[in-house]
């Protein structure tokens, strides 16, 4: 089985400290910084928690992704980009014969993840993605969970992710909104209004509203569509689940 990479194995680029500080300050205001005990059990959380309903959605997304990957019945080398506090990486590392490397520029939560989740098959790296670091040990799967919105160009980060993959590898996008051009403009204004109301208007400069046509030219399939009749009836998950295959 592959061993996950560590900070010692790769030379990560210097994280954006301004973004990191703003992001942590906002997460604190939003009550999205969790104790070690809470983090250990995510996505399960007390029903009275402010974000309990959101965690039900995240749990649903994680369970269907893990079920999909488990059915491959083969050793998997997985990279999660934008892992945050590492809760999903920890769940992915529970897939039989899976090795997980999780990366984020948020040092505060990466250090918490390292402290809380200790598995030989799981490693956390603080830094930015550089495909050159993974040429010698490419991945089978790359996961973005609620993280592609922090990259200004969706095609650019997808090309970067695809270049870290083995032949026939997959990129999975979960817990992410996609917009039409008109709706994207409106959503950007709502984002600015929200960040301004929270005292962090500059964060809007780091949040991007990607459109479905940003996927044009990629070999992708929609594994779950929030606009499908069944999903609208069940109201189970408001996000797309998109799988992009390496061509």
C-alpha atoms as a PDB file:
ATOM      1  CA  UNK A   1       0.000   0.000   0.000  1.00  0.00           C
ATOM      2  CA  UNK A   2       1.206   3.526  -0.771  1.00  0.00           C
ATOM      3  CA  UNK A   3       2.283   5.720   2.103  1.00  0.00           C
ATOM      4  CA  UNK A   4       0.841   9.243   2.232  1.00  0.00           C
ATOM      5  CA  UNK A   5       3.152  12.170   1.595  1.00  0.00           C
ATOM      6  CA  UNK A   6       4.174  14.520   4.392  1.00  0.00           C
ATOM      7  CA  UNK A   7       5.433  18.095   4.703  1.00  0.00           C
ATOM      8  CA  UNK A   8       8.950  16.647   4.603  1.00  0.00           C
ATOM      9  CA  UNK A   9       8.327  15.001   1.228  1.00  0.00           C
ATOM     10  CA  UNK A  10       7.286  18.072  -0.744  1.00  0.00           C
ATOM     11  CA  UNK A  11       8.183  21.735  -0.901  1.00  0.00           C
ATOM     12  CA  UNK A  12       4.864  23.531  -0.560  1.00  0.00           C
ATOM     13  CA  UNK A  13       4.409  27.114  -1.651  1.00  0.00           C
ATOM     14  CA  UNK A  14       3.965  29.831   0.979  1.00  0.00           C
ATOM     15  CA  UNK A  15       0.283  30.065   1.921  1.00  0.00           C
ATOM     16  CA  UNK A  16      -1.560  33.374   1.609  1.00  0.00           C
ATOM     17  CA  UNK A  17      -1.391  34.616   5.195  1.00  0.00           C
ATOM     18  CA  UNK A  18      -3.891  37.431   4.602  1.00  0.00           C
ATOM     19  CA  UNK A  19      -6.515  34.974   3.398  1.00  0.00           C
ATOM     20  CA  UNK A  20      -5.740  32.512   6.171  1.00  0.00           C
ATOM     21  CA  UNK A  21      -6.214  35.133   8.880  1.00  0.00           C
ATOM     22  CA  UNK A  22      -9.449  36.442   7.374  1.00  0.00           C
ATOM     23  CA  UNK A  23     -10.765  32.934   6.843  1.00  0.00           C
ATOM     24  CA  UNK A  24     -10.081  31.790  10.398  1.00  0.00           C
ATOM     25  CA  UNK A  25     -11.617  34.974  11.808  1.00  0.00           C
ATOM     26  CA  UNK A  26     -14.778  34.377   9.789  1.00  0.00           C
ATOM     27  CA  UNK A  27     -15.004  30.702  10.726  1.00  0.00           C
ATOM     28  CA  UNK A  28     -14.737  31.699  14.369  1.00  0.00           C
ATOM     29  CA  UNK A  29     -17.619  34.175  13.978  1.00  0.00           C
ATOM     30  CA  UNK A  30     -19.663  31.555  12.150  1.00  0.00           C
ATOM     31  CA  UNK A  31     -19.006  28.975  14.895  1.00  0.00           C
ATOM     32  CA  UNK A  32     -17.246  26.722  12.377  1.00  0.00           C
ATOM     33  CA  UNK A  33     -14.157  26.171  14.499  1.00  0.00           C
ATOM     34  CA  UNK A  34     -14.685  22.944  16.403  1.00  0.00           C
ATOM     35  CA  UNK A  35     -13.208  21.476  19.531  1.00  0.00           C
ATOM     36  CA  UNK A  36     -11.009  18.408  19.116  1.00  0.00           C
ATOM     37  CA  UNK A  37     -13.809  16.282  20.572  1.00  0.00           C
ATOM     38  CA  UNK A  38     -16.361  17.654  18.093  1.00  0.00           C
ATOM     39  CA  UNK A  39     -13.976  17.258  15.163  1.00  0.00           C
ATOM     40  CA  UNK A  40     -13.269  13.643  16.042  1.00  0.00           C
ATOM     41  CA  UNK A  41     -16.933  12.779  15.478  1.00  0.00           C
ATOM     42  CA  UNK A  42     -17.738  14.924  12.423  1.00  0.00           C
ATOM     43  CA  UNK A  43     -19.894  14.819  10.367  1.00  0.00           C
ATOM     44  CA  UNK A  44     -21.990  13.664  13.335  1.00  0.00           C
ATOM     45  CA  UNK A  45     -22.717  16.565  15.652  1.00  0.00           C
ATOM     46  CA  UNK A  46     -25.219  17.521  18.327  1.00  0.00           C
ATOM     47  CA  UNK A  47     -28.659  18.129  16.824  1.00  0.00           C
ATOM     48  CA  UNK A  48     -28.792  21.493  18.568  1.00  0.00           C
ATOM     49  CA  UNK A  49     -25.621  22.793  16.938  1.00  0.00           C
ATOM     50  CA  UNK A  50     -26.086  25.838  14.708  1.00  0.00           C
ATOM     51  CA  UNK A  51     -24.820  23.951  11.641  1.00  0.00           C
ATOM     52  CA  UNK A  52     -26.402  20.562  12.354  1.00  0.00           C
ATOM     53  CA  UNK A  53     -28.535  20.575   9.178  1.00  0.00           C
ATOM     54  CA  UNK A  54     -25.523  21.499   7.060  1.00  0.00           C
ATOM     55  CA  UNK A  55     -23.593  18.582   8.535  1.00  0.00           C
ATOM     56  CA  UNK A  56     -26.426  16.228   7.602  1.00  0.00           C
ATOM     57  CA  UNK A  57     -25.901  17.266   3.977  1.00  0.00           C
ATOM     58  CA  UNK A  58     -22.127  16.915   4.221  1.00  0.00           C
ATOM     59  CA  UNK A  59     -22.578  13.462   5.752  1.00  0.00           C
ATOM     60  CA  UNK A  60     -24.837  12.411   2.890  1.00  0.00           C
ATOM     61  CA  UNK A  61     -22.283  13.613   0.319  1.00  0.00           C
ATOM     62  CA  UNK A  62     -19.437  11.827   2.092  1.00  0.00           C
ATOM     63  CA  UNK A  63     -21.317   8.548   2.438  1.00  0.00           C
ATOM     64  CA  UNK A  64     -22.222   8.308  -1.236  1.00  0.00           C
ATOM     65  CA  UNK A  65     -18.662   9.213  -2.318  1.00  0.00           C
ATOM     66  CA  UNK A  66     -17.163   6.641   0.046  1.00  0.00           C
ATOM     67  CA  UNK A  67     -19.627   3.977  -1.121  1.00  0.00           C
ATOM     68  CA  UNK A  68     -18.675   4.731  -4.746  1.00  0.00           C
ATOM     69  CA  UNK A  69     -14.937   4.500  -4.060  1.00  0.00           C
ATOM     70  CA  UNK A  70     -15.282   1.391  -1.878  1.00  0.00           C
ATOM     71  CA  UNK A  71     -17.002  -0.434  -4.746  1.00  0.00           C
ATOM     72  CA  UNK A  72     -13.811  -0.114  -6.791  1.00  0.00           C
ATOM     73  CA  UNK A  73     -12.343  -2.841  -4.541  1.00  0.00           C
ATOM     74  CA  UNK A  74      -8.781  -1.800  -5.290  1.00  0.00           C
ATOM     75  CA  UNK A  75      -6.077   0.040  -3.352  1.00  0.00           C
ATOM     76  CA  UNK A  76      -6.596   3.776  -3.751  1.00  0.00           C
ATOM     77  CA  UNK A  77      -4.134   6.618  -3.398  1.00  0.00           C
ATOM     78  CA  UNK A  78      -6.343   9.646  -2.691  1.00  0.00           C
ATOM     79  CA  UNK A  79      -5.578  13.367  -2.591  1.00  0.00           C
ATOM     80  CA  UNK A  80      -8.014  15.814  -0.986  1.00  0.00           C
ATOM     81  CA  UNK A  81      -7.400  19.437  -1.966  1.00  0.00           C
ATOM     82  CA  UNK A  82      -8.734  22.059   0.431  1.00  0.00           C
ATOM     83  CA  UNK A  83      -9.299  19.590   3.256  1.00  0.00           C
ATOM     84  CA  UNK A  84      -9.947  22.183   5.989  1.00  0.00           C
ATOM     85  CA  UNK A  85     -10.019  20.502   9.385  1.00  0.00           C
ATOM     86  CA  UNK A  86      -9.584  17.071   7.806  1.00  0.00           C
ATOM     87  CA  UNK A  87     -12.849  15.403   8.794  1.00  0.00           C
ATOM     88  CA  UNK A  88     -13.526  14.062   5.271  1.00  0.00           C
ATOM     89  CA  UNK A  89      -9.923  12.936   4.745  1.00  0.00           C
ATOM     90  CA  UNK A  90     -10.274  10.939   7.944  1.00  0.00           C
ATOM     91  CA  UNK A  91     -13.396   9.237   6.599  1.00  0.00           C
ATOM     92  CA  UNK A  92     -11.756   8.534   3.233  1.00  0.00           C
ATOM     93  CA  UNK A  93      -8.827   6.918   5.045  1.00  0.00           C
ATOM     94  CA  UNK A  94     -11.258   4.352   6.443  1.00  0.00           C
ATOM     95  CA  UNK A  95     -11.845   2.905   2.958  1.00  0.00           C
ATOM     96  CA  UNK A  96     -10.094  -0.495   2.850  1.00  0.00           C
ATOM     97  CA  UNK A  97      -6.585  -0.206   1.348  1.00  0.00           C
ATOM     98  CA  UNK A  98      -6.874   3.552   0.892  1.00  0.00           C
ATOM     99  CA  UNK A  99      -4.036   6.010   1.448  1.00  0.00           C
ATOM    100  CA  UNK A 100      -4.986   9.666   1.834  1.00  0.00           C
ATOM    101  CA  UNK A 101      -2.937  12.846   1.517  1.00  0.00           C
ATOM    102  CA  UNK A 102      -4.879  15.982   2.474  1.00  0.00           C
ATOM    103  CA  UNK A 103      -3.703  19.515   1.753  1.00  0.00           C
ATOM    104  CA  UNK A 104      -4.878  22.995   2.755  1.00  0.00           C
ATOM    105  CA  UNK A 105      -3.315  26.434   3.222  1.00  0.00           C
ATOM    106  CA  UNK A 106      -5.111  26.907   6.549  1.00  0.00           C
ATOM    107  CA  UNK A 107      -2.409  26.053   9.074  1.00  0.00           C
ATOM    108  CA  UNK A 108      -4.657  26.398  12.143  1.00  0.00           C
ATOM    109  CA  UNK A 109      -7.012  23.637  11.026  1.00  0.00           C
ATOM    110  CA  UNK A 110      -4.260  21.507   9.481  1.00  0.00           C
ATOM    111  CA  UNK A 111      -2.459  21.433  12.827  1.00  0.00           C
ATOM    112  CA  UNK A 112      -5.710  20.455  14.525  1.00  0.00           C
ATOM    113  CA  UNK A 113      -6.271  17.692  11.963  1.00  0.00           C
ATOM    114  CA  UNK A 114      -2.779  16.319  12.593  1.00  0.00           C
ATOM    115  CA  UNK A 115      -3.496  16.324  16.323  1.00  0.00           C
ATOM    116  CA  UNK A 116      -6.935  14.702  16.138  1.00  0.00           C
ATOM    117  CA  UNK A 117      -6.619  12.208  13.282  1.00  0.00           C
ATOM    118  CA  UNK A 118      -3.710   9.816  13.606  1.00  0.00           C
ATOM    119  CA  UNK A 119      -3.590   7.046  11.024  1.00  0.00           C
ATOM    120  CA  UNK A 120      -0.605   5.570   9.221  1.00  0.00           C
ATOM    121  CA  UNK A 121      -2.589   5.834   5.995  1.00  0.00           C
ATOM    122  CA  UNK A 122      -3.410   9.539   6.449  1.00  0.00           C
ATOM    123  CA  UNK A 123      -1.224  12.650   6.202  1.00  0.00           C
ATOM    124  CA  UNK A 124      -1.958  16.373   6.295  1.00  0.00           C
ATOM    125  CA  UNK A 125       0.094  19.016   4.478  1.00  0.00           C
ATOM    126  CA  UNK A 126      -0.105  22.778   4.877  1.00  0.00           C
ATOM    127  CA  UNK A 127       0.562  24.452   1.544  1.00  0.00           C
ATOM    128  CA  UNK A 128      -0.659  24.951  -2.001  1.00  0.00           C
ATOM    129  CA  UNK A 129      -1.029  22.371  -4.732  1.00  0.00           C
ATOM    130  CA  UNK A 130       1.901  21.821  -7.079  1.00  0.00           C
ATOM    131  CA  UNK A 131       1.460  18.860  -9.406  1.00  0.00           C
ATOM    132  CA  UNK A 132       5.244  18.526  -9.761  1.00  0.00           C
ATOM    133  CA  UNK A 133       5.362  17.260  -6.172  1.00  0.00           C
ATOM    134  CA  UNK A 134       3.305  14.214  -7.090  1.00  0.00           C
ATOM    135  CA  UNK A 135       4.895  13.052 -10.355  1.00  0.00           C
ATOM    136  CA  UNK A 136       6.713  10.151  -8.679  1.00  0.00           C
ATOM    137  CA  UNK A 137       3.628   8.926  -6.811  1.00  0.00           C
ATOM    138  CA  UNK A 138       0.459   9.906  -8.696  1.00  0.00           C
ATOM    139  CA  UNK A 139      -3.040   9.490  -7.310  1.00  0.00           C
ATOM    140  CA  UNK A 140      -6.028   7.388  -8.253  1.00  0.00           C
ATOM    141  CA  UNK A 141      -8.534   9.943  -6.987  1.00  0.00           C
ATOM    142  CA  UNK A 142      -8.541  13.670  -6.236  1.00  0.00           C
ATOM    143  CA  UNK A 143     -11.371  15.115  -4.127  1.00  0.00           C
ATOM    144  CA  UNK A 144     -12.563  18.709  -3.805  1.00  0.00           C
ATOM    145  CA  UNK A 145     -15.223  19.012  -1.103  1.00  0.00           C
ATOM    146  CA  UNK A 146     -16.583  22.560  -0.749  1.00  0.00           C
ATOM    147  CA  UNK A 147     -13.216  23.929  -1.854  1.00  0.00           C
ATOM    148  CA  UNK A 148     -13.075  24.722  -5.607  1.00  0.00           C
ATOM    149  CA  UNK A 149     -14.795  28.055  -4.947  1.00  0.00           C
ATOM    150  CA  UNK A 150     -11.537  29.300  -3.430  1.00  0.00           C
ATOM    151  CA  UNK A 151      -9.684  28.854  -6.740  1.00  0.00           C
ATOM    152  CA  UNK A 152     -10.113  31.713  -9.244  1.00  0.00           C
ATOM    153  CA  UNK A 153     -10.078  29.475 -12.329  1.00  0.00           C
ATOM    154  CA  UNK A 154     -11.909  26.168 -12.243  1.00  0.00           C
ATOM    155  CA  UNK A 155     -10.315  24.896 -15.494  1.00  0.00           C
ATOM    156  CA  UNK A 156      -6.841  25.770 -14.199  1.00  0.00           C
ATOM    157  CA  UNK A 157      -7.173  23.915 -10.896  1.00  0.00           C
ATOM    158  CA  UNK A 158      -8.835  20.955 -12.617  1.00  0.00           C
ATOM    159  CA  UNK A 159      -5.967  20.663 -15.094  1.00  0.00           C
ATOM    160  CA  UNK A 160      -3.564  20.816 -12.143  1.00  0.00           C
ATOM    161  CA  UNK A 161      -5.514  18.104 -10.316  1.00  0.00           C
ATOM    162  CA  UNK A 162      -5.754  15.888 -13.400  1.00  0.00           C
ATOM    163  CA  UNK A 163      -1.989  16.114 -13.875  1.00  0.00           C
ATOM    164  CA  UNK A 164      -1.504  14.492 -10.443  1.00  0.00           C
ATOM    165  CA  UNK A 165      -3.545  11.425 -11.485  1.00  0.00           C
ATOM    166  CA  UNK A 166      -2.667   8.022 -12.823  1.00  0.00           C
ATOM    167  CA  UNK A 167      -4.203   7.040 -16.190  1.00  0.00           C
ATOM    168  CA  UNK A 168      -7.981   6.620 -15.778  1.00  0.00           C
ATOM    169  CA  UNK A 169      -7.875   8.490 -12.472  1.00  0.00           C
ATOM    170  CA  UNK A 170     -10.821  10.584 -11.297  1.00  0.00           C
ATOM    171  CA  UNK A 171     -11.459  14.023  -9.839  1.00  0.00           C
ATOM    172  CA  UNK A 172     -14.576  14.328  -7.687  1.00  0.00           C
ATOM    173  CA  UNK A 173     -16.313  17.622  -6.910  1.00  0.00           C
ATOM    174  CA  UNK A 174     -18.803  17.507  -4.052  1.00  0.00           C
ATOM    175  CA  UNK A 175     -20.581  20.027  -1.810  1.00  0.00           C
ATOM    176  CA  UNK A 176     -20.104  22.778  -4.380  1.00  0.00           C
ATOM    177  CA  UNK A 177     -22.495  25.159  -6.122  1.00  0.00           C
ATOM    178  CA  UNK A 178     -22.434  25.765  -9.868  1.00  0.00           C
ATOM    179  CA  UNK A 179     -24.165  28.699 -11.542  1.00  0.00           C
ATOM    180  CA  UNK A 180     -25.421  30.124 -14.798  1.00  0.00           C
ATOM    181  CA  UNK A 181     -23.786  33.419 -15.853  1.00  0.00           C
ATOM    182  CA  UNK A 182     -26.738  35.479 -14.632  1.00  0.00           C
ATOM    183  CA  UNK A 183     -27.075  33.672 -11.326  1.00  0.00           C
ATOM    184  CA  UNK A 184     -23.305  33.779 -10.767  1.00  0.00           C
ATOM    185  CA  UNK A 185     -23.372  37.587 -10.861  1.00  0.00           C
ATOM    186  CA  UNK A 186     -26.229  37.692  -8.366  1.00  0.00           C
ATOM    187  CA  UNK A 187     -24.518  35.129  -6.125  1.00  0.00           C
ATOM    188  CA  UNK A 188     -21.300  37.161  -6.113  1.00  0.00           C
ATOM    189  CA  UNK A 189     -23.231  40.181  -4.853  1.00  0.00           C
ATOM    190  CA  UNK A 190     -24.865  38.092  -2.114  1.00  0.00           C
ATOM    191  CA  UNK A 191     -21.442  36.793  -1.108  1.00  0.00           C
ATOM    192  CA  UNK A 192     -20.055  40.329  -0.852  1.00  0.00           C
ATOM    193  CA  UNK A 193     -23.083  41.424   1.166  1.00  0.00           C
ATOM    194  CA  UNK A 194     -22.664  38.475   3.525  1.00  0.00           C
ATOM    195  CA  UNK A 195     -18.946  38.945   4.074  1.00  0.00           C
ATOM    196  CA  UNK A 196     -19.508  42.661   4.602  1.00  0.00           C
ATOM    197  CA  UNK A 197     -22.174  41.940   7.221  1.00  0.00           C
ATOM    198  CA  UNK A 198     -19.651  39.681   8.986  1.00  0.00           C
ATOM    199  CA  UNK A 199     -16.986  42.397   8.943  1.00  0.00           C
ATOM    200  CA  UNK A 200     -14.804  40.575   6.365  1.00  0.00           C
ATOM    201  CA  UNK A 201     -15.664  42.155   2.974  1.00  0.00           C
ATOM    202  CA  UNK A 202     -12.193  41.435   1.585  1.00  0.00           C
ATOM    203  CA  UNK A 203     -12.917  37.700   1.725  1.00  0.00           C
ATOM    204  CA  UNK A 204     -15.202  38.168  -1.281  1.00  0.00           C
ATOM    205  CA  UNK A 205     -12.015  38.617  -3.336  1.00  0.00           C
ATOM    206  CA  UNK A 206     -11.093  35.006  -2.519  1.00  0.00           C
ATOM    207  CA  UNK A 207     -14.466  33.404  -3.262  1.00  0.00           C
ATOM    208  CA  UNK A 208     -15.394  32.510  -6.844  1.00  0.00           C
ATOM    209  CA  UNK A 209     -18.713  31.462  -8.360  1.00  0.00           C
ATOM    210  CA  UNK A 210     -17.952  28.862 -11.004  1.00  0.00           C
ATOM    211  CA  UNK A 211     -20.308  28.045 -13.840  1.00  0.00           C
ATOM    212  CA  UNK A 212     -21.243  24.713 -15.358  1.00  0.00           C
ATOM    213  CA  UNK A 213     -19.744  25.778 -18.680  1.00  0.00           C
ATOM    214  CA  UNK A 214     -16.366  25.986 -16.927  1.00  0.00           C
ATOM    215  CA  UNK A 215     -16.434  22.191 -17.295  1.00  0.00           C
ATOM    216  CA  UNK A 216     -16.620  22.364 -21.091  1.00  0.00           C
ATOM    217  CA  UNK A 217     -13.798  20.369 -22.653  1.00  0.00           C
ATOM    218  CA  UNK A 218     -13.407  18.032 -19.670  1.00  0.00           C
ATOM    219  CA  UNK A 219     -14.441  14.379 -19.708  1.00  0.00           C
ATOM    220  CA  UNK A 220     -16.991  14.598 -16.917  1.00  0.00           C
ATOM    221  CA  UNK A 221     -20.236  13.073 -15.786  1.00  0.00           C
ATOM    222  CA  UNK A 222     -22.804  14.265 -13.286  1.00  0.00           C
ATOM    223  CA  UNK A 223     -23.279  11.550 -10.682  1.00  0.00           C
ATOM    224  CA  UNK A 224     -25.865  13.545  -8.714  1.00  0.00           C
ATOM    225  CA  UNK A 225     -27.912  16.487  -9.916  1.00  0.00           C
ATOM    226  CA  UNK A 226     -29.620  18.690  -7.298  1.00  0.00           C
ATOM    227  CA  UNK A 227     -32.139  19.768  -9.943  1.00  0.00           C
ATOM    228  CA  UNK A 228     -33.352  16.238 -10.654  1.00  0.00           C
ATOM    229  CA  UNK A 229     -36.975  15.480  -9.843  1.00  0.00           C
ATOM    230  CA  UNK A 230     -36.048  12.842  -7.260  1.00  0.00           C
ATOM    231  CA  UNK A 231     -33.644  15.157  -5.446  1.00  0.00           C
ATOM    232  CA  UNK A 232     -36.145  18.005  -5.424  1.00  0.00           C
ATOM    233  CA  UNK A 233     -38.767  15.686  -3.954  1.00  0.00           C
ATOM    234  CA  UNK A 234     -36.455  14.219  -1.324  1.00  0.00           C
ATOM    235  CA  UNK A 235     -34.585  17.498  -0.663  1.00  0.00           C
ATOM    236  CA  UNK A 236     -31.639  15.287   0.231  1.00  0.00           C
ATOM    237  CA  UNK A 237     -28.727  17.286  -1.145  1.00  0.00           C
ATOM    238  CA  UNK A 238     -28.529  20.755  -2.771  1.00  0.00           C
ATOM    239  CA  UNK A 239     -25.155  20.131  -4.456  1.00  0.00           C
ATOM    240  CA  UNK A 240     -23.889  18.560  -7.659  1.00  0.00           C
ATOM    241  CA  UNK A 241     -21.606  15.558  -7.514  1.00  0.00           C
ATOM    242  CA  UNK A 242     -19.339  15.657 -10.548  1.00  0.00           C
ATOM    243  CA  UNK A 243     -16.725  13.099 -11.603  1.00  0.00           C
ATOM    244  CA  UNK A 244     -14.029  14.136 -14.103  1.00  0.00           C
ATOM    245  CA  UNK A 245     -11.999  11.375 -15.733  1.00  0.00           C
ATOM    246  CA  UNK A 246      -8.423  11.736 -16.867  1.00  0.00           C
ATOM    247  CA  UNK A 247      -8.431  11.358 -20.635  1.00  0.00           C
END
